[in-house]
Structures are given as C-alpha cells and as structure tokens.
Amino acid sequence: MTQQGPSLACCHRLTLELDSGTEAECTVSPVLATIISHFSDEETWTLKDLSAKMQVTTSVLEKRMSFWVNTGLVRLDGPGMYVLDEDGHEKAHQGNTTAAVADPDADREEELADSAQQQKLEELETCWMYIQGMLNNAGALPVDKMREMLDMFVDGGFDGTDKDLQQFLDTKVTEGIVSRSGAEYSLVAGDDGSDDSD
C-alpha cells in the first residue's frame, strides 16, 4: 500500500494504492493520515507500539483506529493488535468508489481534551510533595480535606477539583505508593513516595 496526495490545513486527502491495484480515496485528519502511513511500513501493529511511535495515548489512538477498522482497511486481530487488511477494505467497498471522510474537528477536540487532562496530571504531580507531607502528618485523609489544604499551601491556590485529585490519587494507588480505605487515602507503610533508584 502506498499513499499520495496534497495535505490541507486541517485534513489530508489521501489516495491509497492497494496491492491489488485498486485505489481508495480518503479525506482524513493529520492524525488519521499518520496512523495509516505507519501501516505502509509494517502491516501489523500493537496498540502499545503504535502509541509509542506516534507519541499519543493509547486511548486516543484506539478511538482513531476505529475509523480505519470501520473502513475495512485495518482489522482488529485480538486485543490491541491491528493488521492491515486490504482484502477486507475491498470486500466492504465492492463497486463503491465514494471516498471515506473523517471529521477533522473530532481529532482536534480529543487532542485538546487529552492535552488538558495531561496538564492537570502534571500540575498535580507538582503538588505531590505537599500531598506526601499531609499524609505523613495526618495518616489518612479524604480527598476534600486534602484539596482544602492544597488551596492553603500551593502558591496561587489549588486549581483542580476533587475529582481531579481523586483520579491522581487513584494512579498512586495503582503504583502502590498510596492505599485507599473507603473515602480516605494514606501512604503505603514504608513508602515515602520518593524514587530511590539513583
């Protein structure tokens, strides 16, 4: 499979030349164009590998992959495994020469949402020292109490919501640094949350 076509500001018009000699025309966002271009290099990708290659989160990539799966050009071959399937595309579009079109605004909205979420996580990571201190001193605390204390200690106040803080703390639970009992969080015994790998 090869691709060609000029790029537009918000979308790419692609002509995909399939191995069978037929062509498939698509108007897609830059993210979708990048995804399918990687299938020119390798016919099989895991969600994790392609996510790392493109430097996007697996959740965003998985949503974008659904476009190519729906066109029949790529098929899901087990959990998180995508395979180029030119025969599937031809079967799905027998005699149909209409172009596949994806909404470029949908990609932009998801990228902005993902970027905003990433920014919140980074801001919360900067508060981690304060959170550790609170949990060291108080033992166990509920989210709302921690948020109130962060409002007092963080320069400019804490800009997140209880939900943001709870999601952040839940990632620390997954990492084994914090434990949760009911509505309260505490540091795991013997773990001060610092990285001793130096």
N, C-alpha and C. Protein backbone atom coordinates (compact mmCIF):
# COMPACT_ATOMS: atom_id res chain seq x y z
N MET A 1 0.85 -1.17 0.00
CA MET A 1 0.00 0.00 0.00
C MET A 1 0.89 1.24 0.00
N THR A 2 0.60 2.17 -0.88
CA THR A 2 1.30 3.45 -0.88
C THR A 2 0.26 4.54 -0.77
N GLN A 3 0.69 5.73 -0.38
CA GLN A 3 -0.25 6.84 -0.26
C GLN A 3 0.30 8.05 -0.96
N GLN A 4 -0.60 8.88 -1.45
CA GLN A 4 -0.20 10.12 -2.08
C GLN A 4 -1.30 11.14 -1.92
N GLY A 5 -0.96 12.39 -2.12
CA GLY A 5 -1.98 13.44 -2.06
C GLY A 5 -1.49 14.63 -1.30
N PRO A 6 -1.97 15.82 -1.70
CA PRO A 6 -1.56 17.05 -1.01
C PRO A 6 -2.21 17.14 0.35
N SER A 7 -1.52 17.79 1.27
CA SER A 7 -2.10 17.98 2.59
C SER A 7 -2.79 19.33 2.65
N LEU A 8 -3.91 19.40 3.35
CA LEU A 8 -4.62 20.64 3.56
C LEU A 8 -4.36 21.08 4.98
N ALA A 9 -4.80 22.26 5.34
CA ALA A 9 -4.52 22.79 6.67
C ALA A 9 -5.08 21.90 7.76
N CYS A 10 -6.33 21.44 7.62
CA CYS A 10 -6.95 20.68 8.69
C CYS A 10 -7.14 19.21 8.34
N CYS A 11 -6.91 18.84 7.10
CA CYS A 11 -7.11 17.44 6.73
C CYS A 11 -6.22 17.08 5.55
N HIS A 12 -6.10 15.79 5.32
CA HIS A 12 -5.30 15.26 4.22
C HIS A 12 -6.23 14.50 3.28
N ARG A 13 -6.05 14.75 2.01
CA ARG A 13 -6.78 13.96 1.00
C ARG A 13 -5.80 12.90 0.53
N LEU A 14 -6.09 11.66 0.82
CA LEU A 14 -5.19 10.56 0.50
C LEU A 14 -5.76 9.70 -0.60
N THR A 15 -4.90 9.24 -1.46
CA THR A 15 -5.25 8.19 -2.39
C THR A 15 -4.38 7.01 -2.01
N LEU A 16 -4.99 5.97 -1.49
CA LEU A 16 -4.26 4.78 -1.05
C LEU A 16 -4.26 3.77 -2.19
N GLU A 17 -3.07 3.41 -2.65
CA GLU A 17 -2.94 2.41 -3.69
C GLU A 17 -2.78 1.05 -3.03
N LEU A 18 -3.77 0.21 -3.21
CA LEU A 18 -3.76 -1.11 -2.59
C LEU A 18 -2.95 -2.08 -3.44
N ASP A 19 -2.48 -3.16 -2.83
CA ASP A 19 -1.67 -4.14 -3.54
C ASP A 19 -2.39 -4.73 -4.75
N SER A 20 -3.72 -4.77 -4.71
CA SER A 20 -4.50 -5.34 -5.82
C SER A 20 -4.55 -4.41 -7.03
N GLY A 21 -4.02 -3.18 -6.87
CA GLY A 21 -4.05 -2.22 -7.97
C GLY A 21 -5.19 -1.23 -7.87
N THR A 22 -6.14 -1.47 -6.98
CA THR A 22 -7.25 -0.54 -6.82
C THR A 22 -6.82 0.62 -5.93
N GLU A 23 -7.59 1.68 -5.97
CA GLU A 23 -7.28 2.85 -5.16
C GLU A 23 -8.44 3.15 -4.22
N ALA A 24 -8.12 3.64 -3.06
CA ALA A 24 -9.12 4.08 -2.09
C ALA A 24 -8.82 5.53 -1.77
N GLU A 25 -9.83 6.39 -1.91
CA GLU A 25 -9.65 7.80 -1.60
C GLU A 25 -10.24 8.11 -0.23
N CYS A 26 -9.49 8.90 0.54
CA CYS A 26 -9.93 9.27 1.89
C CYS A 26 -9.56 10.73 2.15
N THR A 27 -10.43 11.43 2.85
CA THR A 27 -10.11 12.75 3.36
C THR A 27 -10.13 12.64 4.88
N VAL A 28 -8.96 12.77 5.48
CA VAL A 28 -8.83 12.49 6.90
C VAL A 28 -7.99 13.55 7.59
N SER A 29 -8.05 13.55 8.91
CA SER A 29 -7.24 14.46 9.72
C SER A 29 -5.77 14.02 9.67
N PRO A 30 -4.87 14.91 10.07
CA PRO A 30 -3.45 14.54 10.11
C PRO A 30 -3.16 13.31 10.97
N VAL A 31 -3.87 13.17 12.09
CA VAL A 31 -3.64 12.01 12.96
C VAL A 31 -4.00 10.72 12.24
N LEU A 32 -5.15 10.71 11.56
CA LEU A 32 -5.57 9.50 10.83
C LEU A 32 -4.62 9.21 9.67
N ALA A 33 -4.14 10.26 8.99
CA ALA A 33 -3.19 10.06 7.90
C ALA A 33 -1.89 9.46 8.43
N THR A 34 -1.45 9.93 9.59
CA THR A 34 -0.22 9.41 10.19
C THR A 34 -0.39 7.94 10.58
N ILE A 35 -1.54 7.61 11.14
CA ILE A 35 -1.79 6.22 11.54
C ILE A 35 -1.65 5.29 10.34
N ILE A 36 -2.37 5.60 9.25
CA ILE A 36 -2.36 4.67 8.11
C ILE A 36 -1.01 4.66 7.42
N SER A 37 -0.26 5.76 7.51
CA SER A 37 1.07 5.77 6.89
C SER A 37 1.99 4.76 7.57
N HIS A 38 1.80 4.55 8.87
CA HIS A 38 2.64 3.57 9.57
C HIS A 38 2.35 2.14 9.10
N PHE A 39 1.15 1.90 8.59
CA PHE A 39 0.83 0.58 8.06
C PHE A 39 1.46 0.35 6.69
N SER A 40 2.04 1.40 6.09
CA SER A 40 2.82 1.23 4.86
C SER A 40 4.17 0.62 5.22
N ASP A 41 4.66 0.93 6.41
CA ASP A 41 5.97 0.41 6.86
C ASP A 41 5.85 -1.01 7.41
N GLU A 42 4.84 -1.22 8.25
CA GLU A 42 4.61 -2.54 8.86
C GLU A 42 3.12 -2.84 8.79
N GLU A 43 2.77 -4.06 8.46
CA GLU A 43 1.36 -4.42 8.29
C GLU A 43 0.66 -4.75 9.60
N THR A 44 1.43 -4.98 10.66
CA THR A 44 0.85 -5.33 11.96
C THR A 44 1.43 -4.42 13.03
N TRP A 45 0.55 -3.88 13.87
CA TRP A 45 0.97 -3.02 14.97
C TRP A 45 0.17 -3.37 16.22
N THR A 46 0.84 -3.35 17.36
CA THR A 46 0.09 -3.41 18.61
C THR A 46 -0.28 -1.98 18.97
N LEU A 47 -1.34 -1.83 19.72
CA LEU A 47 -1.78 -0.51 20.15
C LEU A 47 -0.66 0.19 20.92
N LYS A 48 0.02 -0.57 21.78
CA LYS A 48 1.08 -0.01 22.61
C LYS A 48 2.26 0.48 21.76
N ASP A 49 2.68 -0.33 20.78
CA ASP A 49 3.83 0.06 19.94
C ASP A 49 3.52 1.26 19.06
N LEU A 50 2.33 1.27 18.45
CA LEU A 50 1.96 2.38 17.59
C LEU A 50 1.75 3.66 18.41
N SER A 51 1.22 3.50 19.60
CA SER A 51 1.04 4.64 20.50
C SER A 51 2.40 5.26 20.84
N ALA A 52 3.39 4.42 21.14
CA ALA A 52 4.74 4.91 21.45
C ALA A 52 5.37 5.57 20.23
N LYS A 53 5.19 4.96 19.07
CA LYS A 53 5.75 5.50 17.82
C LYS A 53 5.18 6.88 17.51
N MET A 54 3.86 7.04 17.72
CA MET A 54 3.20 8.30 17.39
C MET A 54 3.21 9.30 18.55
N GLN A 55 3.60 8.85 19.73
CA GLN A 55 3.63 9.68 20.93
C GLN A 55 2.25 10.25 21.26
N VAL A 56 1.24 9.37 21.22
CA VAL A 56 -0.12 9.71 21.65
C VAL A 56 -0.55 8.64 22.65
N THR A 57 -1.55 8.95 23.45
CA THR A 57 -2.01 7.97 24.43
C THR A 57 -2.73 6.83 23.73
N THR A 58 -2.74 5.67 24.36
CA THR A 58 -3.41 4.52 23.77
C THR A 58 -4.91 4.76 23.64
N SER A 59 -5.51 5.52 24.57
CA SER A 59 -6.95 5.77 24.49
C SER A 59 -7.31 6.61 23.27
N VAL A 60 -6.51 7.64 22.98
CA VAL A 60 -6.75 8.47 21.79
C VAL A 60 -6.52 7.64 20.54
N LEU A 61 -5.45 6.87 20.51
CA LEU A 61 -5.13 6.06 19.33
C LEU A 61 -6.22 5.02 19.07
N GLU A 62 -6.70 4.39 20.13
CA GLU A 62 -7.74 3.37 19.96
C GLU A 62 -9.00 3.96 19.34
N LYS A 63 -9.37 5.17 19.78
CA LYS A 63 -10.54 5.84 19.19
C LYS A 63 -10.32 6.15 17.72
N ARG A 64 -9.13 6.61 17.39
CA ARG A 64 -8.81 6.94 15.99
C ARG A 64 -8.73 5.68 15.14
N MET A 65 -8.24 4.58 15.69
CA MET A 65 -8.14 3.33 14.94
C MET A 65 -9.50 2.83 14.49
N SER A 66 -10.54 3.16 15.24
CA SER A 66 -11.88 2.69 14.88
C SER A 66 -12.29 3.19 13.50
N PHE A 67 -11.81 4.36 13.07
CA PHE A 67 -12.11 4.85 11.72
C PHE A 67 -11.57 3.88 10.68
N TRP A 68 -10.31 3.48 10.82
CA TRP A 68 -9.69 2.60 9.84
C TRP A 68 -10.28 1.19 9.90
N VAL A 69 -10.67 0.76 11.09
CA VAL A 69 -11.34 -0.55 11.22
C VAL A 69 -12.69 -0.50 10.50
N ASN A 70 -13.43 0.61 10.66
CA ASN A 70 -14.73 0.75 10.01
C ASN A 70 -14.64 0.82 8.48
N THR A 71 -13.52 1.32 7.96
CA THR A 71 -13.35 1.34 6.50
C THR A 71 -13.02 -0.04 5.96
N GLY A 72 -12.62 -0.95 6.84
CA GLY A 72 -12.23 -2.29 6.42
C GLY A 72 -10.77 -2.39 6.04
N LEU A 73 -10.05 -1.28 6.08
CA LEU A 73 -8.65 -1.29 5.66
C LEU A 73 -7.74 -1.89 6.73
N VAL A 74 -8.15 -1.79 7.98
CA VAL A 74 -7.41 -2.36 9.10
C VAL A 74 -8.40 -3.21 9.89
N ARG A 75 -7.94 -4.35 10.40
CA ARG A 75 -8.82 -5.17 11.24
C ARG A 75 -8.18 -5.38 12.60
N LEU A 76 -9.04 -5.53 13.59
CA LEU A 76 -8.60 -5.84 14.95
C LEU A 76 -8.39 -7.34 15.01
N ASP A 77 -7.18 -7.75 15.33
CA ASP A 77 -6.82 -9.17 15.31
C ASP A 77 -6.39 -9.58 16.71
N GLY A 78 -7.34 -9.53 17.65
CA GLY A 78 -7.03 -9.82 19.04
C GLY A 78 -6.93 -8.52 19.81
N PRO A 79 -6.88 -8.59 21.14
CA PRO A 79 -6.84 -7.38 21.96
C PRO A 79 -5.61 -6.52 21.65
N GLY A 80 -5.87 -5.29 21.20
CA GLY A 80 -4.78 -4.34 20.96
C GLY A 80 -3.87 -4.66 19.79
N MET A 81 -4.30 -5.54 18.87
CA MET A 81 -3.47 -5.93 17.73
C MET A 81 -4.20 -5.55 16.44
N TYR A 82 -3.57 -4.70 15.64
CA TYR A 82 -4.18 -4.21 14.40
C TYR A 82 -3.37 -4.68 13.20
N VAL A 83 -4.09 -5.13 12.17
CA VAL A 83 -3.45 -5.68 10.98
C VAL A 83 -4.03 -5.01 9.74
N LEU A 84 -3.16 -4.64 8.80
CA LEU A 84 -3.59 -4.09 7.53
C LEU A 84 -4.39 -5.17 6.80
N ASP A 85 -5.57 -4.82 6.30
CA ASP A 85 -6.45 -5.81 5.68
C ASP A 85 -7.04 -5.24 4.39
N GLU A 86 -6.23 -5.19 3.35
CA GLU A 86 -6.68 -4.61 2.09
C GLU A 86 -7.84 -5.40 1.50
N ASP A 87 -7.84 -6.73 1.67
CA ASP A 87 -8.96 -7.55 1.17
C ASP A 87 -10.25 -7.16 1.88
N GLY A 88 -10.16 -6.90 3.18
CA GLY A 88 -11.35 -6.50 3.94
C GLY A 88 -11.92 -5.19 3.43
N HIS A 89 -11.03 -4.27 3.06
CA HIS A 89 -11.48 -2.99 2.51
C HIS A 89 -12.21 -3.20 1.18
N GLU A 90 -11.63 -4.03 0.33
CA GLU A 90 -12.24 -4.26 -0.98
C GLU A 90 -13.59 -4.96 -0.85
N LYS A 91 -13.71 -5.90 0.07
CA LYS A 91 -14.99 -6.58 0.29
C LYS A 91 -16.04 -5.61 0.82
N ALA A 92 -15.61 -4.73 1.73
CA ALA A 92 -16.54 -3.78 2.34
C ALA A 92 -16.99 -2.71 1.35
N HIS A 93 -16.20 -2.48 0.30
CA HIS A 93 -16.50 -1.40 -0.64
C HIS A 93 -16.60 -1.88 -2.08
N GLN A 94 -17.08 -3.11 -2.31
CA GLN A 94 -17.20 -3.65 -3.66
C GLN A 94 -18.04 -2.72 -4.53
N GLY A 95 -17.43 -2.23 -5.60
CA GLY A 95 -18.13 -1.38 -6.55
C GLY A 95 -18.43 0.02 -6.04
N ASN A 96 -18.02 0.33 -4.84
CA ASN A 96 -18.31 1.64 -4.26
C ASN A 96 -17.05 2.49 -4.34
N THR A 97 -17.12 3.59 -5.08
CA THR A 97 -15.93 4.43 -5.25
C THR A 97 -15.98 5.70 -4.41
N THR A 98 -16.96 5.81 -3.51
CA THR A 98 -17.05 7.01 -2.69
C THR A 98 -15.90 7.06 -1.70
N ALA A 99 -15.46 8.25 -1.44
CA ALA A 99 -14.32 8.43 -0.55
C ALA A 99 -14.77 8.38 0.91
N ALA A 100 -13.89 7.87 1.75
CA ALA A 100 -14.13 7.90 3.20
C ALA A 100 -13.70 9.27 3.71
N VAL A 101 -14.54 9.86 4.54
CA VAL A 101 -14.24 11.19 5.07
C VAL A 101 -14.36 11.14 6.59
N ALA A 102 -13.36 11.66 7.25
CA ALA A 102 -13.37 11.73 8.71
C ALA A 102 -13.47 13.19 9.13
N ASP A 103 -14.13 13.43 10.23
CA ASP A 103 -14.31 14.78 10.75
C ASP A 103 -13.02 15.23 11.43
N PRO A 104 -12.29 16.20 10.84
CA PRO A 104 -11.03 16.63 11.46
C PRO A 104 -11.23 17.33 12.79
N ASP A 105 -12.40 17.93 13.02
CA ASP A 105 -12.65 18.60 14.29
C ASP A 105 -12.71 17.62 15.46
N ALA A 106 -13.16 16.38 15.18
CA ALA A 106 -13.23 15.38 16.25
C ALA A 106 -11.84 15.08 16.80
N ASP A 107 -10.85 14.97 15.92
CA ASP A 107 -9.48 14.74 16.36
C ASP A 107 -8.98 15.91 17.20
N ARG A 108 -9.25 17.11 16.74
CA ARG A 108 -8.77 18.30 17.43
C ARG A 108 -9.36 18.39 18.84
N GLU A 109 -10.68 18.11 18.94
CA GLU A 109 -11.33 18.15 20.25
C GLU A 109 -10.74 17.12 21.19
N GLU A 110 -10.49 15.91 20.69
CA GLU A 110 -9.91 14.87 21.54
C GLU A 110 -8.49 15.21 21.95
N GLU A 111 -7.70 15.78 21.00
CA GLU A 111 -6.34 16.17 21.33
C GLU A 111 -6.33 17.24 22.42
N LEU A 112 -7.25 18.21 22.31
CA LEU A 112 -7.34 19.27 23.33
C LEU A 112 -7.74 18.70 24.68
N ALA A 113 -8.73 17.79 24.68
CA ALA A 113 -9.17 17.18 25.94
C ALA A 113 -8.04 16.36 26.56
N ASP A 114 -7.32 15.60 25.73
CA ASP A 114 -6.22 14.78 26.22
C ASP A 114 -5.10 15.67 26.75
N SER A 115 -4.84 16.77 26.06
CA SER A 115 -3.80 17.71 26.48
C SER A 115 -4.18 18.36 27.81
N ALA A 116 -5.44 18.73 27.96
CA ALA A 116 -5.91 19.35 29.22
C ALA A 116 -5.78 18.37 30.38
N GLN A 117 -6.14 17.11 30.13
CA GLN A 117 -6.02 16.08 31.18
C GLN A 117 -4.56 15.87 31.56
N GLN A 118 -3.67 15.83 30.55
CA GLN A 118 -2.24 15.66 30.80
C GLN A 118 -1.70 16.84 31.61
N GLN A 119 -2.14 18.05 31.28
CA GLN A 119 -1.70 19.24 32.01
C GLN A 119 -2.14 19.18 33.46
N LYS A 120 -3.39 18.72 33.71
CA LYS A 120 -3.87 18.60 35.10
C LYS A 120 -3.03 17.60 35.88
N LEU A 121 -2.69 16.47 35.23
CA LEU A 121 -1.87 15.46 35.91
C LEU A 121 -0.49 16.02 36.24
N GLU A 122 0.08 16.80 35.32
CA GLU A 122 1.39 17.40 35.58
C GLU A 122 1.32 18.39 36.73
N GLU A 123 0.24 19.19 36.79
CA GLU A 123 0.07 20.13 37.89
C GLU A 123 -0.06 19.39 39.22
N LEU A 124 -0.81 18.29 39.20
CA LEU A 124 -0.98 17.51 40.43
C LEU A 124 0.34 16.86 40.84
N GLU A 125 1.15 16.48 39.87
CA GLU A 125 2.45 15.88 40.19
C GLU A 125 3.31 16.88 40.94
N THR A 126 3.18 18.18 40.59
CA THR A 126 3.95 19.20 41.32
C THR A 126 3.45 19.37 42.75
N CYS A 127 2.22 18.98 43.01
CA CYS A 127 1.65 19.05 44.37
C CYS A 127 1.96 17.81 45.19
N TRP A 128 2.59 16.82 44.58
CA TRP A 128 2.81 15.54 45.24
C TRP A 128 3.57 15.69 46.56
N MET A 129 4.56 16.60 46.61
CA MET A 129 5.31 16.81 47.86
C MET A 129 4.39 17.26 48.98
N TYR A 130 3.49 18.19 48.67
CA TYR A 130 2.53 18.66 49.67
C TYR A 130 1.62 17.53 50.13
N ILE A 131 1.15 16.73 49.17
CA ILE A 131 0.25 15.62 49.50
C ILE A 131 0.96 14.62 50.40
N GLN A 132 2.21 14.30 50.06
CA GLN A 132 3.00 13.38 50.89
C GLN A 132 3.12 13.90 52.32
N GLY A 133 3.43 15.19 52.44
CA GLY A 133 3.57 15.79 53.77
C GLY A 133 2.28 15.69 54.57
N MET A 134 1.16 15.98 53.91
CA MET A 134 -0.14 15.87 54.59
C MET A 134 -0.39 14.46 55.08
N LEU A 135 -0.13 13.49 54.19
CA LEU A 135 -0.41 12.09 54.55
C LEU A 135 0.57 11.58 55.59
N ASN A 136 1.81 12.07 55.58
CA ASN A 136 2.78 11.70 56.62
C ASN A 136 2.34 12.22 57.97
N ASN A 137 1.83 13.45 58.00
CA ASN A 137 1.44 14.08 59.26
C ASN A 137 0.09 13.60 59.77
N ALA A 138 -0.88 13.46 58.88
CA ALA A 138 -2.25 13.15 59.30
C ALA A 138 -2.57 11.66 59.25
N GLY A 139 -1.77 10.89 58.57
CA GLY A 139 -2.07 9.46 58.42
C GLY A 139 -2.96 9.21 57.24
N ALA A 140 -4.26 9.41 57.40
CA ALA A 140 -5.22 9.18 56.32
C ALA A 140 -6.13 10.39 56.20
N LEU A 141 -6.42 10.77 54.95
CA LEU A 141 -7.27 11.94 54.72
C LEU A 141 -8.21 11.70 53.55
N PRO A 142 -9.42 12.30 53.62
CA PRO A 142 -10.31 12.24 52.46
C PRO A 142 -9.89 13.28 51.42
N VAL A 143 -10.36 13.11 50.21
CA VAL A 143 -9.99 13.99 49.10
C VAL A 143 -10.35 15.45 49.38
N ASP A 144 -11.57 15.70 49.87
CA ASP A 144 -12.00 17.09 50.06
C ASP A 144 -11.11 17.83 51.06
N LYS A 145 -10.66 17.14 52.10
CA LYS A 145 -9.78 17.75 53.10
C LYS A 145 -8.41 18.06 52.49
N MET A 146 -7.90 17.13 51.66
CA MET A 146 -6.61 17.37 51.01
C MET A 146 -6.70 18.56 50.05
N ARG A 147 -7.81 18.66 49.32
CA ARG A 147 -7.98 19.78 48.39
C ARG A 147 -8.00 21.11 49.14
N GLU A 148 -8.70 21.15 50.28
CA GLU A 148 -8.74 22.37 51.09
C GLU A 148 -7.34 22.76 51.56
N MET A 149 -6.57 21.77 51.99
CA MET A 149 -5.22 22.04 52.47
C MET A 149 -4.32 22.48 51.32
N LEU A 150 -4.49 21.89 50.14
CA LEU A 150 -3.69 22.31 48.98
C LEU A 150 -4.01 23.75 48.61
N ASP A 151 -5.27 24.13 48.74
CA ASP A 151 -5.67 25.53 48.49
C ASP A 151 -4.87 26.50 49.36
N MET A 152 -4.59 26.07 50.59
CA MET A 152 -3.84 26.93 51.52
C MET A 152 -2.35 26.94 51.23
N PHE A 153 -1.78 25.79 50.86
CA PHE A 153 -0.33 25.66 50.75
C PHE A 153 0.25 25.96 49.38
N VAL A 154 -0.50 25.71 48.32
CA VAL A 154 0.03 25.87 46.96
C VAL A 154 -0.06 27.33 46.55
N ASP A 155 1.06 27.86 46.01
CA ASP A 155 1.07 29.25 45.53
C ASP A 155 -0.03 29.44 44.49
N GLY A 156 -0.86 30.47 44.71
CA GLY A 156 -1.95 30.74 43.77
C GLY A 156 -3.16 29.86 43.99
N GLY A 157 -3.13 28.98 44.98
CA GLY A 157 -4.25 28.09 45.25
C GLY A 157 -4.23 26.85 44.36
N PHE A 158 -4.97 25.87 44.77
CA PHE A 158 -5.06 24.62 44.01
C PHE A 158 -6.15 24.79 42.95
N ASP A 159 -5.81 24.53 41.70
CA ASP A 159 -6.71 24.80 40.58
C ASP A 159 -7.57 23.60 40.19
N GLY A 160 -7.37 22.46 40.82
CA GLY A 160 -8.10 21.25 40.44
C GLY A 160 -9.37 21.04 41.24
N THR A 161 -10.13 20.05 40.82
CA THR A 161 -11.37 19.67 41.51
C THR A 161 -11.10 18.44 42.38
N ASP A 162 -12.09 18.10 43.20
CA ASP A 162 -11.99 16.86 43.99
C ASP A 162 -11.80 15.66 43.07
N LYS A 163 -12.52 15.67 41.95
CA LYS A 163 -12.44 14.54 41.01
C LYS A 163 -11.03 14.42 40.42
N ASP A 164 -10.41 15.57 40.05
CA ASP A 164 -9.04 15.56 39.53
C ASP A 164 -8.09 14.96 40.56
N LEU A 165 -8.23 15.41 41.81
CA LEU A 165 -7.35 14.93 42.87
C LEU A 165 -7.57 13.44 43.13
N GLN A 166 -8.83 13.01 43.10
CA GLN A 166 -9.12 11.60 43.33
C GLN A 166 -8.52 10.73 42.21
N GLN A 167 -8.62 11.17 40.95
CA GLN A 167 -8.03 10.41 39.84
C GLN A 167 -6.52 10.32 40.00
N PHE A 168 -5.90 11.42 40.42
CA PHE A 168 -4.46 11.43 40.64
C PHE A 168 -4.07 10.46 41.75
N LEU A 169 -4.81 10.52 42.86
CA LEU A 169 -4.52 9.62 43.98
C LEU A 169 -4.75 8.15 43.60
N ASP A 170 -5.76 7.91 42.78
CA ASP A 170 -6.01 6.54 42.33
C ASP A 170 -4.86 6.00 41.48
N THR A 171 -4.18 6.88 40.72
CA THR A 171 -3.00 6.43 39.98
C THR A 171 -1.88 6.07 40.95
N LYS A 172 -1.78 6.81 42.06
CA LYS A 172 -0.78 6.49 43.08
C LYS A 172 -1.12 5.18 43.79
N VAL A 173 -2.42 4.88 43.91
CA VAL A 173 -2.84 3.59 44.47
C VAL A 173 -2.39 2.48 43.53
N THR A 174 -2.61 2.66 42.22
CA THR A 174 -2.20 1.67 41.22
C THR A 174 -0.69 1.46 41.25
N GLU A 175 0.06 2.54 41.49
CA GLU A 175 1.52 2.45 41.55
C GLU A 175 1.99 1.83 42.86
N GLY A 176 1.09 1.64 43.83
CA GLY A 176 1.46 1.03 45.11
C GLY A 176 2.07 2.00 46.10
N ILE A 177 1.94 3.30 45.84
CA ILE A 177 2.51 4.31 46.72
C ILE A 177 1.51 4.74 47.79
N VAL A 178 0.24 4.74 47.43
CA VAL A 178 -0.84 5.17 48.31
C VAL A 178 -1.85 4.04 48.41
N SER A 179 -2.51 3.95 49.56
CA SER A 179 -3.60 2.98 49.70
C SER A 179 -4.90 3.73 49.98
N ARG A 180 -6.00 3.08 49.67
CA ARG A 180 -7.30 3.71 49.87
C ARG A 180 -8.15 2.79 50.74
N SER A 181 -8.76 3.40 51.76
CA SER A 181 -9.69 2.68 52.61
C SER A 181 -10.96 3.52 52.71
N GLY A 182 -12.00 3.07 52.03
CA GLY A 182 -13.23 3.87 51.98
C GLY A 182 -12.97 5.15 51.21
N ALA A 183 -13.21 6.30 51.88
CA ALA A 183 -13.01 7.59 51.23
C ALA A 183 -11.67 8.22 51.58
N GLU A 184 -10.84 7.51 52.37
CA GLU A 184 -9.59 8.09 52.82
C GLU A 184 -8.38 7.44 52.16
N TYR A 185 -7.37 8.27 51.93
CA TYR A 185 -6.12 7.82 51.33
C TYR A 185 -5.00 7.96 52.35
N SER A 186 -4.04 7.04 52.28
CA SER A 186 -2.86 7.12 53.14
C SER A 186 -1.67 6.57 52.39
N LEU A 187 -0.46 6.96 52.85
CA LEU A 187 0.75 6.42 52.24
C LEU A 187 0.89 4.96 52.62
N VAL A 188 1.41 4.16 51.69
CA VAL A 188 1.67 2.77 51.98
C VAL A 188 2.81 2.70 52.99
N ALA A 189 2.67 1.87 54.01
CA ALA A 189 3.68 1.78 55.07
C ALA A 189 5.06 1.50 54.48
N GLY A 190 6.05 2.29 54.94
CA GLY A 190 7.42 2.10 54.49
C GLY A 190 7.72 2.75 53.15
N ASP A 191 6.74 3.46 52.56
CA ASP A 191 6.95 4.12 51.27
C ASP A 191 6.69 5.61 51.45
N ASP A 192 7.76 6.39 51.26
CA ASP A 192 7.58 7.84 51.37
C ASP A 192 7.31 8.47 50.03
N GLY A 193 7.13 7.61 48.99
CA GLY A 193 6.78 8.12 47.67
C GLY A 193 7.94 8.64 46.87
N SER A 194 9.18 8.59 47.43
CA SER A 194 10.33 9.09 46.70
C SER A 194 10.95 7.96 45.88
N ASP A 195 11.71 8.34 44.86
CA ASP A 195 12.35 7.37 43.98
C ASP A 195 13.78 7.19 44.42
N ASP A 196 14.13 5.99 44.89
CA ASP A 196 15.48 5.73 45.38
C ASP A 196 16.34 5.04 44.35
N SER A 197 16.01 5.17 43.06
CA SER A 197 16.72 4.44 42.02
C SER A 197 18.01 5.14 41.57
N ASP A 198 18.39 6.24 42.22
CA ASP A 198 19.60 6.98 41.81
C ASP A 198 20.84 6.17 42.13
